[in-house]
Amino acid sequence: MSALKGRAWVFADDVDTDLIYHNKYLAETDPNNMPQYAFEYYPGMERFAKEVKPGDFVVAGRNFGCGSSREHAVYCLQYAGVPCILAESCSRIYYRNAVNNGYPVLFIKGLSAAIRDGGVRNGDTLEVDMDHGSVRDLDTGREFHGDSVSDLEKDIMKAGGLFAYMKGQG
């Protein structure tokens, strides 16, 4: 994987799945229709669904995706073209849903503090190296380091998700 470049959409700590994708839209079963509801109820980010572009990044502090186990909270970002989630940490259920659907989450140290102190801001251009788990903010010059995407996760992503990966394994 090569370095990706995109705009940052910055969120705080403890972003629960109801703020990512509200439960009133759970009847929607087509993942292609889910991005239009992303972050609709997150204060200050109501415009996300209309303005996010493929290649933009969701940047969050600690405990991203806490709350329920709804896969919609993964699909709405994946199908919006957000290449990966950058977070200091996320809930285990969100992480498992992401991996199972071939969608990467990078755990980046120091993001929570950087969000609080303005070291990474909405609209900043980020360069993300998923192989090395590094993020460089091209506007502020700050660099962040974390965990890279594992080889198994890369294989699952290439296959299109865990079911496709397991099917390919026989």
N, C-alpha and C. Protein backbone atom coordinates (compact mmCIF):
# COMPACT_ATOMS: atom_id res chain seq x y z
N MET A 1 0.84 -1.18 0.00
CA MET A 1 0.00 0.00 0.00
C MET A 1 0.89 1.24 0.00
N SER A 2 0.50 2.21 -0.73
CA SER A 2 1.27 3.44 -0.75
C SER A 2 0.62 4.47 0.17
N ALA A 3 1.29 5.59 0.32
CA ALA A 3 0.76 6.65 1.16
C ALA A 3 -0.50 7.24 0.53
N LEU A 4 -1.47 7.54 1.36
CA LEU A 4 -2.72 8.15 0.93
C LEU A 4 -2.74 9.60 1.40
N LYS A 5 -3.37 10.45 0.62
CA LYS A 5 -3.46 11.85 0.98
C LYS A 5 -4.92 12.27 0.94
N GLY A 6 -5.36 12.99 1.98
CA GLY A 6 -6.74 13.43 2.02
C GLY A 6 -6.98 14.44 3.13
N ARG A 7 -8.19 14.93 3.16
CA ARG A 7 -8.61 15.95 4.12
C ARG A 7 -9.09 15.29 5.41
N ALA A 8 -8.81 15.95 6.54
CA ALA A 8 -9.20 15.45 7.85
C ALA A 8 -10.58 15.95 8.26
N TRP A 9 -11.38 15.04 8.77
CA TRP A 9 -12.62 15.36 9.47
C TRP A 9 -12.37 14.92 10.90
N VAL A 10 -12.30 15.88 11.83
CA VAL A 10 -11.82 15.60 13.18
C VAL A 10 -12.97 15.50 14.18
N PHE A 11 -12.93 14.44 14.97
CA PHE A 11 -13.94 14.15 15.99
C PHE A 11 -13.25 13.95 17.33
N ALA A 12 -14.00 14.09 18.41
CA ALA A 12 -13.46 13.99 19.76
C ALA A 12 -13.36 12.53 20.22
N ASP A 13 -13.20 12.34 21.50
CA ASP A 13 -13.22 11.02 22.13
C ASP A 13 -14.67 10.54 22.24
N ASP A 14 -14.83 9.24 22.42
CA ASP A 14 -16.12 8.61 22.73
C ASP A 14 -17.20 8.89 21.71
N VAL A 15 -16.89 8.71 20.45
CA VAL A 15 -17.89 8.86 19.38
C VAL A 15 -18.65 7.54 19.28
N ASP A 16 -19.91 7.56 19.71
CA ASP A 16 -20.65 6.30 19.70
C ASP A 16 -21.32 6.06 18.34
N THR A 17 -21.72 4.83 18.14
CA THR A 17 -22.26 4.43 16.84
C THR A 17 -23.55 5.16 16.50
N ASP A 18 -24.29 5.62 17.52
CA ASP A 18 -25.51 6.38 17.25
C ASP A 18 -25.17 7.74 16.65
N LEU A 19 -24.02 8.29 16.97
CA LEU A 19 -23.59 9.55 16.38
C LEU A 19 -22.99 9.34 14.99
N ILE A 20 -22.41 8.18 14.76
CA ILE A 20 -21.87 7.86 13.44
C ILE A 20 -23.02 7.57 12.47
N TYR A 21 -23.94 6.74 12.92
CA TYR A 21 -25.09 6.33 12.09
C TYR A 21 -26.27 6.12 13.02
N HIS A 22 -27.22 7.02 13.00
CA HIS A 22 -28.33 7.00 13.95
C HIS A 22 -29.24 5.79 13.75
N ASN A 23 -29.76 5.31 14.87
CA ASN A 23 -30.60 4.10 14.83
C ASN A 23 -31.90 4.27 14.04
N LYS A 24 -32.32 5.50 13.79
CA LYS A 24 -33.57 5.66 13.03
C LYS A 24 -33.41 5.24 11.56
N TYR A 25 -32.17 5.03 11.12
CA TYR A 25 -31.91 4.62 9.73
C TYR A 25 -31.52 3.14 9.61
N LEU A 26 -31.67 2.38 10.68
CA LEU A 26 -31.24 0.98 10.64
C LEU A 26 -32.03 0.11 9.67
N ALA A 27 -33.19 0.56 9.24
CA ALA A 27 -33.97 -0.22 8.27
C ALA A 27 -33.32 -0.20 6.89
N GLU A 28 -32.41 0.74 6.65
CA GLU A 28 -31.69 0.80 5.37
C GLU A 28 -30.74 -0.38 5.29
N THR A 29 -30.86 -1.18 4.24
CA THR A 29 -30.02 -2.37 4.12
C THR A 29 -29.00 -2.27 2.99
N ASP A 30 -29.10 -1.26 2.14
CA ASP A 30 -28.17 -1.09 1.03
C ASP A 30 -27.03 -0.18 1.48
N PRO A 31 -25.80 -0.73 1.62
CA PRO A 31 -24.67 0.07 2.08
C PRO A 31 -24.39 1.29 1.20
N ASN A 32 -24.78 1.22 -0.06
CA ASN A 32 -24.56 2.36 -0.95
C ASN A 32 -25.40 3.57 -0.57
N ASN A 33 -26.50 3.35 0.15
CA ASN A 33 -27.37 4.44 0.59
C ASN A 33 -27.03 4.96 1.98
N MET A 34 -26.16 4.29 2.69
CA MET A 34 -25.87 4.64 4.08
C MET A 34 -25.03 5.91 4.26
N PRO A 35 -24.10 6.23 3.36
CA PRO A 35 -23.29 7.44 3.59
C PRO A 35 -24.08 8.72 3.77
N GLN A 36 -25.25 8.82 3.20
CA GLN A 36 -26.03 10.07 3.30
C GLN A 36 -26.47 10.38 4.73
N TYR A 37 -26.36 9.42 5.64
CA TYR A 37 -26.78 9.62 7.02
C TYR A 37 -25.61 9.74 8.00
N ALA A 38 -24.39 9.62 7.50
CA ALA A 38 -23.21 9.61 8.38
C ALA A 38 -23.09 10.91 9.17
N PHE A 39 -22.95 10.77 10.47
CA PHE A 39 -22.72 11.87 11.42
C PHE A 39 -23.82 12.93 11.41
N GLU A 40 -24.99 12.59 10.94
CA GLU A 40 -26.09 13.55 10.89
C GLU A 40 -26.41 14.14 12.27
N TYR A 41 -26.21 13.35 13.33
CA TYR A 41 -26.55 13.81 14.68
C TYR A 41 -25.30 14.19 15.50
N TYR A 42 -24.14 14.25 14.87
CA TYR A 42 -22.94 14.66 15.60
C TYR A 42 -22.89 16.19 15.58
N PRO A 43 -22.96 16.83 16.76
CA PRO A 43 -22.99 18.30 16.80
C PRO A 43 -21.80 18.93 16.07
N GLY A 44 -22.13 19.81 15.13
CA GLY A 44 -21.10 20.50 14.36
C GLY A 44 -20.65 19.77 13.10
N MET A 45 -21.09 18.53 12.93
CA MET A 45 -20.68 17.75 11.76
C MET A 45 -21.87 17.34 10.90
N GLU A 46 -22.95 18.05 11.03
CA GLU A 46 -24.16 17.71 10.28
C GLU A 46 -23.94 17.79 8.77
N ARG A 47 -22.95 18.51 8.32
CA ARG A 47 -22.67 18.67 6.89
C ARG A 47 -21.75 17.56 6.33
N PHE A 48 -21.25 16.72 7.21
CA PHE A 48 -20.30 15.67 6.80
C PHE A 48 -20.78 14.89 5.58
N ALA A 49 -21.98 14.35 5.64
CA ALA A 49 -22.49 13.48 4.57
C ALA A 49 -22.54 14.18 3.22
N LYS A 50 -22.82 15.47 3.22
CA LYS A 50 -22.91 16.22 1.97
C LYS A 50 -21.55 16.67 1.45
N GLU A 51 -20.59 16.82 2.35
CA GLU A 51 -19.30 17.40 1.96
C GLU A 51 -18.12 16.43 1.94
N VAL A 52 -18.26 15.26 2.55
CA VAL A 52 -17.14 14.32 2.54
C VAL A 52 -16.84 13.89 1.11
N LYS A 53 -15.57 13.74 0.81
CA LYS A 53 -15.13 13.32 -0.52
C LYS A 53 -14.35 12.00 -0.39
N PRO A 54 -14.42 11.16 -1.41
CA PRO A 54 -13.58 9.96 -1.37
C PRO A 54 -12.12 10.35 -1.15
N GLY A 55 -11.49 9.66 -0.20
CA GLY A 55 -10.11 9.95 0.15
C GLY A 55 -9.97 10.77 1.42
N ASP A 56 -11.06 11.39 1.90
CA ASP A 56 -11.02 12.10 3.18
C ASP A 56 -10.87 11.10 4.32
N PHE A 57 -10.34 11.57 5.44
CA PHE A 57 -10.12 10.71 6.61
C PHE A 57 -11.00 11.14 7.77
N VAL A 58 -11.50 10.16 8.51
CA VAL A 58 -12.12 10.40 9.80
C VAL A 58 -11.02 10.24 10.83
N VAL A 59 -10.80 11.30 11.63
CA VAL A 59 -9.76 11.33 12.65
C VAL A 59 -10.46 11.48 14.00
N ALA A 60 -10.16 10.58 14.92
CA ALA A 60 -10.85 10.62 16.22
C ALA A 60 -9.88 10.32 17.34
N GLY A 61 -10.31 10.65 18.55
CA GLY A 61 -9.51 10.38 19.73
C GLY A 61 -9.69 8.95 20.20
N ARG A 62 -10.01 8.81 21.46
CA ARG A 62 -10.16 7.49 22.07
C ARG A 62 -11.59 6.99 21.97
N ASN A 63 -11.72 5.67 21.91
CA ASN A 63 -13.00 4.97 22.03
C ASN A 63 -13.96 5.28 20.88
N PHE A 64 -13.44 5.39 19.67
CA PHE A 64 -14.29 5.61 18.50
C PHE A 64 -15.16 4.38 18.28
N GLY A 65 -16.44 4.59 17.94
CA GLY A 65 -17.34 3.49 17.62
C GLY A 65 -17.87 2.74 18.82
N CYS A 66 -17.84 3.38 20.00
CA CYS A 66 -18.42 2.72 21.17
C CYS A 66 -19.93 2.65 21.01
N GLY A 67 -20.56 1.85 21.78
CA GLY A 67 -22.01 1.74 21.70
C GLY A 67 -22.44 0.41 21.15
N SER A 68 -23.30 0.43 20.16
CA SER A 68 -23.88 -0.81 19.65
C SER A 68 -22.98 -1.47 18.61
N SER A 69 -23.42 -2.64 18.18
CA SER A 69 -22.64 -3.43 17.23
C SER A 69 -23.04 -3.21 15.78
N ARG A 70 -23.79 -2.16 15.48
CA ARG A 70 -24.32 -1.99 14.13
C ARG A 70 -23.21 -1.83 13.08
N GLU A 71 -23.28 -2.65 12.07
CA GLU A 71 -22.33 -2.56 10.96
C GLU A 71 -22.55 -1.31 10.12
N HIS A 72 -23.72 -0.73 10.19
CA HIS A 72 -24.03 0.50 9.45
C HIS A 72 -23.00 1.58 9.73
N ALA A 73 -22.49 1.63 10.97
CA ALA A 73 -21.52 2.65 11.37
C ALA A 73 -20.18 2.46 10.65
N VAL A 74 -19.91 1.26 10.19
CA VAL A 74 -18.73 1.00 9.34
C VAL A 74 -19.09 1.30 7.89
N TYR A 75 -20.19 0.74 7.42
CA TYR A 75 -20.57 0.89 6.02
C TYR A 75 -20.72 2.35 5.59
N CYS A 76 -21.32 3.18 6.44
CA CYS A 76 -21.59 4.56 6.02
C CYS A 76 -20.29 5.32 5.73
N LEU A 77 -19.20 4.96 6.38
CA LEU A 77 -17.92 5.61 6.12
C LEU A 77 -17.16 4.90 4.98
N GLN A 78 -17.19 3.60 5.01
CA GLN A 78 -16.54 2.81 3.95
C GLN A 78 -17.12 3.16 2.58
N TYR A 79 -18.43 3.20 2.48
CA TYR A 79 -19.08 3.46 1.20
C TYR A 79 -19.07 4.93 0.82
N ALA A 80 -18.72 5.81 1.76
CA ALA A 80 -18.54 7.23 1.44
C ALA A 80 -17.16 7.47 0.82
N GLY A 81 -16.30 6.44 0.83
CA GLY A 81 -14.97 6.57 0.25
C GLY A 81 -13.90 6.98 1.23
N VAL A 82 -14.23 6.99 2.52
CA VAL A 82 -13.22 7.27 3.55
C VAL A 82 -12.30 6.04 3.58
N PRO A 83 -11.00 6.18 3.25
CA PRO A 83 -10.15 5.00 3.08
C PRO A 83 -9.83 4.25 4.36
N CYS A 84 -9.88 4.93 5.50
CA CYS A 84 -9.64 4.28 6.77
C CYS A 84 -10.01 5.23 7.91
N ILE A 85 -10.15 4.67 9.07
CA ILE A 85 -10.39 5.44 10.29
C ILE A 85 -9.04 5.61 10.98
N LEU A 86 -8.74 6.83 11.41
CA LEU A 86 -7.55 7.11 12.20
C LEU A 86 -8.04 7.46 13.60
N ALA A 87 -7.70 6.66 14.59
CA ALA A 87 -8.17 6.90 15.95
C ALA A 87 -7.11 6.45 16.94
N GLU A 88 -7.12 7.08 18.10
CA GLU A 88 -6.20 6.62 19.14
C GLU A 88 -6.62 5.23 19.61
N SER A 89 -7.92 5.03 19.73
CA SER A 89 -8.45 3.70 20.04
C SER A 89 -9.90 3.65 19.58
N CYS A 90 -10.42 2.44 19.46
CA CYS A 90 -11.83 2.29 19.14
C CYS A 90 -12.36 1.07 19.87
N SER A 91 -13.67 0.97 19.92
CA SER A 91 -14.27 -0.16 20.61
C SER A 91 -13.92 -1.45 19.87
N ARG A 92 -13.87 -2.53 20.60
CA ARG A 92 -13.53 -3.82 20.00
C ARG A 92 -14.59 -4.23 18.97
N ILE A 93 -15.86 -3.97 19.26
CA ILE A 93 -16.91 -4.40 18.32
C ILE A 93 -16.82 -3.59 17.03
N TYR A 94 -16.53 -2.31 17.12
CA TYR A 94 -16.38 -1.51 15.90
C TYR A 94 -15.18 -2.02 15.10
N TYR A 95 -14.09 -2.28 15.79
CA TYR A 95 -12.89 -2.78 15.13
C TYR A 95 -13.16 -4.11 14.42
N ARG A 96 -13.85 -5.03 15.10
CA ARG A 96 -14.15 -6.34 14.49
C ARG A 96 -15.06 -6.16 13.28
N ASN A 97 -16.07 -5.31 13.38
CA ASN A 97 -16.95 -5.06 12.24
C ASN A 97 -16.16 -4.49 11.08
N ALA A 98 -15.24 -3.57 11.36
CA ALA A 98 -14.43 -2.97 10.31
C ALA A 98 -13.57 -4.03 9.63
N VAL A 99 -12.83 -4.79 10.41
CA VAL A 99 -11.95 -5.82 9.83
C VAL A 99 -12.78 -6.85 9.06
N ASN A 100 -13.88 -7.29 9.63
CA ASN A 100 -14.72 -8.29 8.96
C ASN A 100 -15.24 -7.80 7.62
N ASN A 101 -15.36 -6.49 7.47
CA ASN A 101 -15.83 -5.92 6.21
C ASN A 101 -14.69 -5.39 5.35
N GLY A 102 -13.46 -5.71 5.72
CA GLY A 102 -12.31 -5.32 4.91
C GLY A 102 -12.01 -3.83 4.98
N TYR A 103 -12.33 -3.20 6.10
CA TYR A 103 -12.17 -1.76 6.25
C TYR A 103 -11.14 -1.47 7.35
N PRO A 104 -10.08 -0.75 7.02
CA PRO A 104 -9.00 -0.56 7.99
C PRO A 104 -9.26 0.53 9.03
N VAL A 105 -8.79 0.24 10.24
CA VAL A 105 -8.73 1.20 11.32
C VAL A 105 -7.28 1.26 11.76
N LEU A 106 -6.69 2.45 11.77
CA LEU A 106 -5.32 2.62 12.25
C LEU A 106 -5.35 3.24 13.63
N PHE A 107 -4.65 2.63 14.56
CA PHE A 107 -4.54 3.16 15.92
C PHE A 107 -3.30 4.04 15.97
N ILE A 108 -3.52 5.33 16.19
CA ILE A 108 -2.45 6.33 16.13
C ILE A 108 -2.29 6.97 17.50
N LYS A 109 -1.10 6.82 18.07
CA LYS A 109 -0.82 7.37 19.40
C LYS A 109 -0.84 8.90 19.37
N GLY A 110 -1.41 9.48 20.42
CA GLY A 110 -1.39 10.92 20.59
C GLY A 110 -2.48 11.70 19.89
N LEU A 111 -3.38 11.03 19.18
CA LEU A 111 -4.41 11.77 18.44
C LEU A 111 -5.38 12.51 19.37
N SER A 112 -5.74 11.90 20.47
CA SER A 112 -6.69 12.54 21.37
C SER A 112 -6.16 13.89 21.86
N ALA A 113 -4.93 13.92 22.33
CA ALA A 113 -4.32 15.18 22.80
C ALA A 113 -4.15 16.16 21.64
N ALA A 114 -3.76 15.67 20.48
CA ALA A 114 -3.56 16.55 19.32
C ALA A 114 -4.88 17.19 18.89
N ILE A 115 -5.96 16.46 19.00
CA ILE A 115 -7.28 17.01 18.67
C ILE A 115 -7.62 18.12 19.66
N ARG A 116 -7.39 17.85 20.95
CA ARG A 116 -7.71 18.84 21.98
C ARG A 116 -6.87 20.10 21.86
N ASP A 117 -5.57 19.95 21.48
CA ASP A 117 -4.69 21.13 21.43
C ASP A 117 -4.59 21.77 20.04
N GLY A 118 -5.39 21.29 19.09
CA GLY A 118 -5.39 21.88 17.75
C GLY A 118 -4.24 21.43 16.86
N GLY A 119 -3.57 20.36 17.26
CA GLY A 119 -2.46 19.83 16.47
C GLY A 119 -2.90 19.14 15.20
N VAL A 120 -4.16 18.81 15.11
CA VAL A 120 -4.78 18.31 13.88
C VAL A 120 -6.19 18.91 13.86
N ARG A 121 -6.55 19.50 12.72
CA ARG A 121 -7.80 20.26 12.64
C ARG A 121 -8.62 19.82 11.43
N ASN A 122 -9.91 20.11 11.50
CA ASN A 122 -10.78 19.87 10.35
C ASN A 122 -10.21 20.56 9.13
N GLY A 123 -10.18 19.83 8.03
CA GLY A 123 -9.72 20.41 6.77
C GLY A 123 -8.23 20.29 6.52
N ASP A 124 -7.45 19.93 7.54
CA ASP A 124 -6.02 19.74 7.32
C ASP A 124 -5.80 18.63 6.30
N THR A 125 -4.75 18.73 5.53
CA THR A 125 -4.40 17.68 4.58
C THR A 125 -3.46 16.71 5.28
N LEU A 126 -3.84 15.43 5.26
CA LEU A 126 -3.05 14.39 5.90
C LEU A 126 -2.45 13.46 4.86
N GLU A 127 -1.27 12.98 5.19
CA GLU A 127 -0.64 11.92 4.41
C GLU A 127 -0.53 10.71 5.33
N VAL A 128 -1.14 9.61 4.93
CA VAL A 128 -1.24 8.43 5.77
C VAL A 128 -0.53 7.27 5.11
N ASP A 129 0.39 6.66 5.84
CA ASP A 129 1.10 5.47 5.37
C ASP A 129 0.57 4.29 6.18
N MET A 130 -0.31 3.54 5.57
CA MET A 130 -0.94 2.43 6.28
C MET A 130 0.04 1.29 6.54
N ASP A 131 1.06 1.16 5.71
CA ASP A 131 2.05 0.09 5.93
C ASP A 131 2.90 0.34 7.17
N HIS A 132 3.12 1.60 7.51
CA HIS A 132 3.97 1.94 8.65
C HIS A 132 3.19 2.55 9.81
N GLY A 133 1.91 2.78 9.62
CA GLY A 133 1.09 3.34 10.69
C GLY A 133 1.45 4.77 11.03
N SER A 134 1.82 5.54 10.02
CA SER A 134 2.22 6.92 10.29
C SER A 134 1.29 7.91 9.59
N VAL A 135 1.14 9.06 10.22
CA VAL A 135 0.30 10.14 9.71
C VAL A 135 1.10 11.42 9.79
N ARG A 136 1.10 12.16 8.69
CA ARG A 136 1.75 13.47 8.69
C ARG A 136 0.71 14.50 8.30
N ASP A 137 0.58 15.52 9.14
CA ASP A 137 -0.33 16.63 8.85
C ASP A 137 0.46 17.62 8.01
N LEU A 138 0.12 17.75 6.76
CA LEU A 138 0.89 18.59 5.85
C LEU A 138 0.68 20.08 6.12
N ASP A 139 -0.38 20.43 6.87
CA ASP A 139 -0.63 21.83 7.21
C ASP A 139 0.11 22.27 8.47
N THR A 140 0.15 21.40 9.48
CA THR A 140 0.80 21.78 10.74
C THR A 140 2.22 21.23 10.85
N GLY A 141 2.55 20.25 10.02
CA GLY A 141 3.87 19.63 10.09
C GLY A 141 3.99 18.56 11.16
N ARG A 142 2.95 18.34 11.93
CA ARG A 142 3.01 17.32 12.99
C ARG A 142 2.96 15.93 12.39
N GLU A 143 3.67 15.03 13.05
CA GLU A 143 3.68 13.63 12.66
C GLU A 143 3.20 12.78 13.81
N PHE A 144 2.48 11.73 13.46
CA PHE A 144 1.93 10.81 14.44
C PHE A 144 2.28 9.40 14.00
N HIS A 145 2.47 8.53 14.98
CA HIS A 145 2.83 7.15 14.67
C HIS A 145 1.97 6.19 15.47
N GLY A 146 1.68 5.08 14.86
CA GLY A 146 0.86 4.08 15.53
C GLY A 146 1.09 2.72 14.93
N ASP A 147 0.05 1.94 14.90
CA ASP A 147 0.13 0.57 14.41
C ASP A 147 -0.23 0.52 12.93
N SER A 148 0.56 -0.23 12.20
CA SER A 148 0.26 -0.42 10.78
C SER A 148 -0.85 -1.47 10.62
N VAL A 149 -1.37 -1.57 9.44
CA VAL A 149 -2.35 -2.60 9.13
C VAL A 149 -1.59 -3.93 9.04
N SER A 150 -2.07 -4.93 9.76
CA SER A 150 -1.38 -6.23 9.77
C SER A 150 -1.49 -6.92 8.41
N ASP A 151 -0.63 -7.90 8.19
CA ASP A 151 -0.68 -8.66 6.94
C ASP A 151 -2.02 -9.37 6.78
N LEU A 152 -2.54 -9.93 7.87
CA LEU A 152 -3.83 -10.60 7.80
C LEU A 152 -4.93 -9.61 7.44
N GLU A 153 -4.91 -8.43 8.05
CA GLU A 153 -5.92 -7.42 7.72
C GLU A 153 -5.80 -7.00 6.26
N LYS A 154 -4.58 -6.88 5.76
CA LYS A 154 -4.39 -6.55 4.34
C LYS A 154 -5.00 -7.63 3.46
N ASP A 155 -4.77 -8.88 3.82
CA ASP A 155 -5.33 -9.99 3.05
C ASP A 155 -6.86 -9.97 3.07
N ILE A 156 -7.43 -9.68 4.24
CA ILE A 156 -8.89 -9.61 4.36
C ILE A 156 -9.42 -8.46 3.51
N MET A 157 -8.72 -7.31 3.55
CA MET A 157 -9.14 -6.16 2.74
C MET A 157 -9.07 -6.48 1.25
N LYS A 158 -7.98 -7.10 0.83
CA LYS A 158 -7.83 -7.45 -0.59
C LYS A 158 -8.93 -8.40 -1.05
N ALA A 159 -9.34 -9.30 -0.16
CA ALA A 159 -10.39 -10.27 -0.50
C ALA A 159 -11.77 -9.63 -0.51
N GLY A 160 -11.92 -8.47 0.13
CA GLY A 160 -13.22 -7.81 0.19
C GLY A 160 -14.00 -8.11 1.46
N GLY A 161 -13.33 -8.60 2.48
CA GLY A 161 -13.98 -8.87 3.76
C GLY A 161 -13.67 -10.27 4.23
N LEU A 162 -14.04 -10.55 5.48
CA LEU A 162 -13.70 -11.82 6.11
C LEU A 162 -14.36 -13.02 5.42
N PHE A 163 -15.64 -12.89 5.05
CA PHE A 163 -16.31 -14.02 4.40
C PHE A 163 -15.62 -14.39 3.09
N ALA A 164 -15.30 -13.38 2.29
CA ALA A 164 -14.62 -13.65 1.02
C ALA A 164 -13.22 -14.23 1.27
N TYR A 165 -12.55 -13.71 2.28
CA TYR A 165 -11.22 -14.23 2.62
C TYR A 165 -11.29 -15.70 3.02
N MET A 166 -12.23 -16.03 3.91
CA MET A 166 -12.37 -17.42 4.38
C MET A 166 -12.79 -18.34 3.23
N LYS A 167 -13.65 -17.86 2.37
CA LYS A 167 -14.06 -18.65 1.22
C LYS A 167 -12.85 -18.95 0.34
N GLY A 168 -11.98 -17.97 0.18
CA GLY A 168 -10.77 -18.16 -0.62
C GLY A 168 -9.76 -19.09 0.03
N GLN A 169 -9.87 -19.27 1.33
CA GLN A 169 -8.95 -20.16 2.05
C GLN A 169 -9.40 -21.62 1.99
N GLY A 170 -10.59 -21.83 1.45
CA GLY A 170 -11.10 -23.20 1.30
C GLY A 170 -11.80 -23.62 2.55
